[in-house]
């Protein structure tokens, strides 16, 4: 819900808008809007970069939990 799937981000309070920056769905929807409503795809580099950072962070988080579980055995 914080990513803007169900309602526009513009109607959220300033606090929720800032909080939604930490939600990958917001960046995906922002990229889809850029593809649909702009002339070029060149502006997607920021969105793709941020999504890659989210992917790396989630991968490292999951890997660290897996390594911690294996170390206990």
N, C-alpha and C. Protein backbone atom coordinates (compact mmCIF):
# COMPACT_ATOMS: atom_id res chain seq x y z
N UNK A 1 0.82 -1.20 0.00
CA UNK A 1 0.00 0.00 0.00
C UNK A 1 0.86 1.26 0.00
N UNK A 2 2.00 1.19 0.66
CA UNK A 2 2.86 2.37 0.71
C UNK A 2 3.52 2.67 -0.62
N UNK A 3 3.57 1.69 -1.52
CA UNK A 3 4.22 1.90 -2.80
C UNK A 3 3.39 2.66 -3.80
N UNK A 4 2.11 2.83 -3.55
CA UNK A 4 1.25 3.56 -4.47
C UNK A 4 0.43 2.67 -5.38
N UNK A 5 0.29 1.41 -5.02
CA UNK A 5 -0.51 0.49 -5.84
C UNK A 5 -2.00 0.78 -5.73
N UNK A 6 -2.46 1.10 -4.56
CA UNK A 6 -3.89 1.24 -4.31
C UNK A 6 -4.39 2.68 -4.38
N UNK A 7 -3.52 3.63 -4.11
CA UNK A 7 -3.89 5.04 -4.20
C UNK A 7 -2.65 5.83 -4.57
N UNK A 8 -2.84 7.01 -5.13
CA UNK A 8 -1.69 7.81 -5.54
C UNK A 8 -0.85 8.27 -4.36
N UNK A 9 0.43 8.34 -4.58
CA UNK A 9 1.35 8.78 -3.53
C UNK A 9 1.10 10.23 -3.16
N UNK A 10 0.61 11.00 -4.09
CA UNK A 10 0.39 12.43 -3.86
C UNK A 10 -0.62 12.71 -2.75
N UNK A 11 -1.54 11.78 -2.47
CA UNK A 11 -2.53 12.04 -1.43
C UNK A 11 -2.05 11.61 -0.04
N UNK A 12 -0.88 10.99 0.02
CA UNK A 12 -0.33 10.57 1.31
C UNK A 12 0.29 11.76 2.03
N UNK A 13 0.44 11.61 3.33
CA UNK A 13 1.11 12.66 4.10
C UNK A 13 2.61 12.65 3.76
N UNK A 14 3.29 13.70 4.14
CA UNK A 14 4.72 13.83 3.84
C UNK A 14 5.52 12.69 4.49
N UNK A 15 5.14 12.30 5.69
CA UNK A 15 5.82 11.21 6.39
C UNK A 15 5.68 9.90 5.61
N UNK A 16 4.48 9.58 5.15
CA UNK A 16 4.27 8.34 4.41
C UNK A 16 4.95 8.39 3.04
N UNK A 17 5.00 9.55 2.41
CA UNK A 17 5.72 9.67 1.14
C UNK A 17 7.21 9.37 1.33
N UNK A 18 7.78 9.89 2.40
CA UNK A 18 9.19 9.62 2.68
C UNK A 18 9.41 8.16 3.05
N UNK A 19 8.47 7.58 3.75
CA UNK A 19 8.56 6.17 4.12
C UNK A 19 8.44 5.27 2.90
N UNK A 20 7.66 5.69 1.92
CA UNK A 20 7.46 4.86 0.73
C UNK A 20 8.71 4.79 -0.14
N UNK A 21 9.68 5.66 0.09
CA UNK A 21 10.93 5.59 -0.66
C UNK A 21 11.70 4.31 -0.36
N UNK A 22 11.39 3.66 0.76
CA UNK A 22 12.06 2.42 1.15
C UNK A 22 11.26 1.19 0.74
N UNK A 23 10.34 1.36 -0.20
CA UNK A 23 9.51 0.27 -0.69
C UNK A 23 9.82 0.06 -2.17
N UNK A 24 10.27 -1.14 -2.56
CA UNK A 24 10.63 -1.36 -3.96
C UNK A 24 9.45 -1.19 -4.93
N UNK A 25 8.23 -1.41 -4.46
CA UNK A 25 7.07 -1.28 -5.33
C UNK A 25 6.95 0.15 -5.86
N UNK A 26 7.30 1.12 -5.04
CA UNK A 26 7.23 2.51 -5.50
C UNK A 26 8.15 2.73 -6.70
N UNK A 27 9.34 2.16 -6.65
CA UNK A 27 10.30 2.36 -7.73
C UNK A 27 9.88 1.62 -8.99
N UNK A 28 9.25 0.46 -8.83
CA UNK A 28 8.73 -0.27 -10.00
C UNK A 28 7.61 0.53 -10.66
N UNK A 29 6.67 1.01 -9.86
CA UNK A 29 5.56 1.78 -10.42
C UNK A 29 6.03 3.10 -11.03
N UNK A 30 7.02 3.71 -10.43
CA UNK A 30 7.59 4.93 -11.00
C UNK A 30 8.22 4.64 -12.36
N UNK A 31 8.91 3.52 -12.47
CA UNK A 31 9.49 3.13 -13.75
C UNK A 31 8.45 2.82 -14.80
N UNK A 32 7.37 2.16 -14.40
CA UNK A 32 6.28 1.87 -15.33
C UNK A 32 5.65 3.17 -15.82
N UNK A 33 5.46 4.12 -14.93
CA UNK A 33 4.93 5.43 -15.34
C UNK A 33 5.86 6.11 -16.34
N UNK A 34 7.17 6.02 -16.10
CA UNK A 34 8.11 6.64 -17.02
C UNK A 34 8.03 6.00 -18.40
N UNK A 35 7.90 4.68 -18.44
CA UNK A 35 7.81 3.99 -19.73
C UNK A 35 6.52 4.36 -20.45
N UNK A 36 5.43 4.43 -19.70
CA UNK A 36 4.13 4.68 -20.34
C UNK A 36 3.94 6.13 -20.77
N UNK A 37 4.45 7.07 -19.99
CA UNK A 37 4.11 8.48 -20.23
C UNK A 37 5.26 9.35 -20.71
N UNK A 38 6.45 8.81 -20.86
CA UNK A 38 7.55 9.64 -21.35
C UNK A 38 8.01 9.14 -22.72
N UNK A 39 8.85 9.92 -23.34
CA UNK A 39 9.30 9.60 -24.69
C UNK A 39 10.48 8.64 -24.72
N UNK A 40 11.33 8.66 -23.72
CA UNK A 40 12.53 7.84 -23.75
C UNK A 40 12.59 6.91 -22.55
N UNK A 41 13.40 5.88 -22.70
CA UNK A 41 13.61 4.91 -21.64
C UNK A 41 14.88 5.24 -20.86
N UNK A 42 15.57 6.29 -21.25
CA UNK A 42 16.85 6.65 -20.62
C UNK A 42 16.67 7.03 -19.15
N UNK A 43 15.51 7.52 -18.77
CA UNK A 43 15.28 7.92 -17.38
C UNK A 43 15.09 6.76 -16.43
N UNK A 44 15.10 5.55 -16.94
CA UNK A 44 14.90 4.38 -16.09
C UNK A 44 16.16 3.93 -15.37
N UNK A 45 17.28 4.50 -15.68
CA UNK A 45 18.53 4.04 -15.08
C UNK A 45 18.54 4.21 -13.56
N UNK A 46 17.96 5.27 -13.07
CA UNK A 46 17.89 5.49 -11.61
C UNK A 46 16.99 4.43 -10.98
N UNK A 47 15.84 4.18 -11.59
CA UNK A 47 14.92 3.19 -11.04
C UNK A 47 15.54 1.79 -11.05
N UNK A 48 16.18 1.44 -12.15
CA UNK A 48 16.82 0.12 -12.25
C UNK A 48 17.96 0.01 -11.24
N UNK A 49 18.73 1.07 -11.07
CA UNK A 49 19.82 1.06 -10.10
C UNK A 49 19.32 0.87 -8.68
N UNK A 50 18.26 1.57 -8.33
CA UNK A 50 17.70 1.44 -6.98
C UNK A 50 17.13 0.05 -6.77
N UNK A 51 16.47 -0.50 -7.78
CA UNK A 51 15.93 -1.86 -7.67
C UNK A 51 17.05 -2.89 -7.55
N UNK A 52 18.16 -2.67 -8.23
CA UNK A 52 19.31 -3.57 -8.08
C UNK A 52 19.89 -3.48 -6.67
N UNK A 53 19.90 -2.28 -6.09
CA UNK A 53 20.37 -2.14 -4.71
C UNK A 53 19.45 -2.86 -3.73
N UNK A 54 18.14 -2.75 -3.94
CA UNK A 54 17.19 -3.50 -3.11
C UNK A 54 17.44 -5.00 -3.25
N UNK A 55 17.65 -5.47 -4.48
CA UNK A 55 17.90 -6.89 -4.71
C UNK A 55 19.16 -7.35 -3.99
N UNK A 56 20.22 -6.57 -4.08
CA UNK A 56 21.47 -6.92 -3.42
C UNK A 56 21.30 -6.94 -1.90
N UNK A 57 20.59 -5.95 -1.36
CA UNK A 57 20.38 -5.89 0.09
C UNK A 57 19.57 -7.10 0.57
N UNK A 58 18.51 -7.44 -0.15
CA UNK A 58 17.68 -8.59 0.25
C UNK A 58 18.44 -9.90 0.08
N UNK A 59 19.26 -10.00 -0.96
CA UNK A 59 20.07 -11.20 -1.15
C UNK A 59 21.07 -11.36 -0.01
N UNK A 60 21.74 -10.28 0.35
CA UNK A 60 22.72 -10.36 1.43
C UNK A 60 22.05 -10.65 2.77
N UNK A 61 20.90 -10.08 2.98
CA UNK A 61 20.17 -10.35 4.23
C UNK A 61 19.77 -11.82 4.31
N UNK A 62 19.23 -12.35 3.23
CA UNK A 62 18.85 -13.76 3.21
C UNK A 62 20.03 -14.69 3.32
N UNK A 63 21.13 -14.33 2.67
CA UNK A 63 22.33 -15.16 2.73
C UNK A 63 22.93 -15.16 4.14
N UNK A 64 22.91 -14.01 4.79
CA UNK A 64 23.49 -13.96 6.13
C UNK A 64 22.67 -14.79 7.11
N UNK A 65 21.36 -14.81 6.95
CA UNK A 65 20.53 -15.65 7.82
C UNK A 65 20.78 -17.12 7.54
N UNK A 66 20.98 -17.45 6.28
CA UNK A 66 21.26 -18.84 5.91
C UNK A 66 22.60 -19.28 6.48
N UNK A 67 23.61 -18.43 6.38
CA UNK A 67 24.93 -18.76 6.92
C UNK A 67 24.86 -18.89 8.45
N UNK A 68 24.09 -18.05 9.09
CA UNK A 68 23.95 -18.12 10.55
C UNK A 68 23.27 -19.43 10.95
N UNK A 69 22.30 -19.88 10.18
CA UNK A 69 21.63 -21.15 10.48
C UNK A 69 22.58 -22.32 10.28
N UNK A 70 23.40 -22.27 9.24
CA UNK A 70 24.33 -23.34 8.98
C UNK A 70 25.44 -23.38 10.03
N UNK A 71 25.80 -22.24 10.58
CA UNK A 71 26.85 -22.18 11.60
C UNK A 71 26.38 -22.80 12.92
N UNK A 72 25.08 -22.75 13.18
CA UNK A 72 24.54 -23.32 14.41
C UNK A 72 24.57 -24.84 14.38
N UNK A 73 24.55 -25.44 13.20
CA UNK A 73 24.52 -26.91 13.10
C UNK A 73 25.83 -27.52 13.35
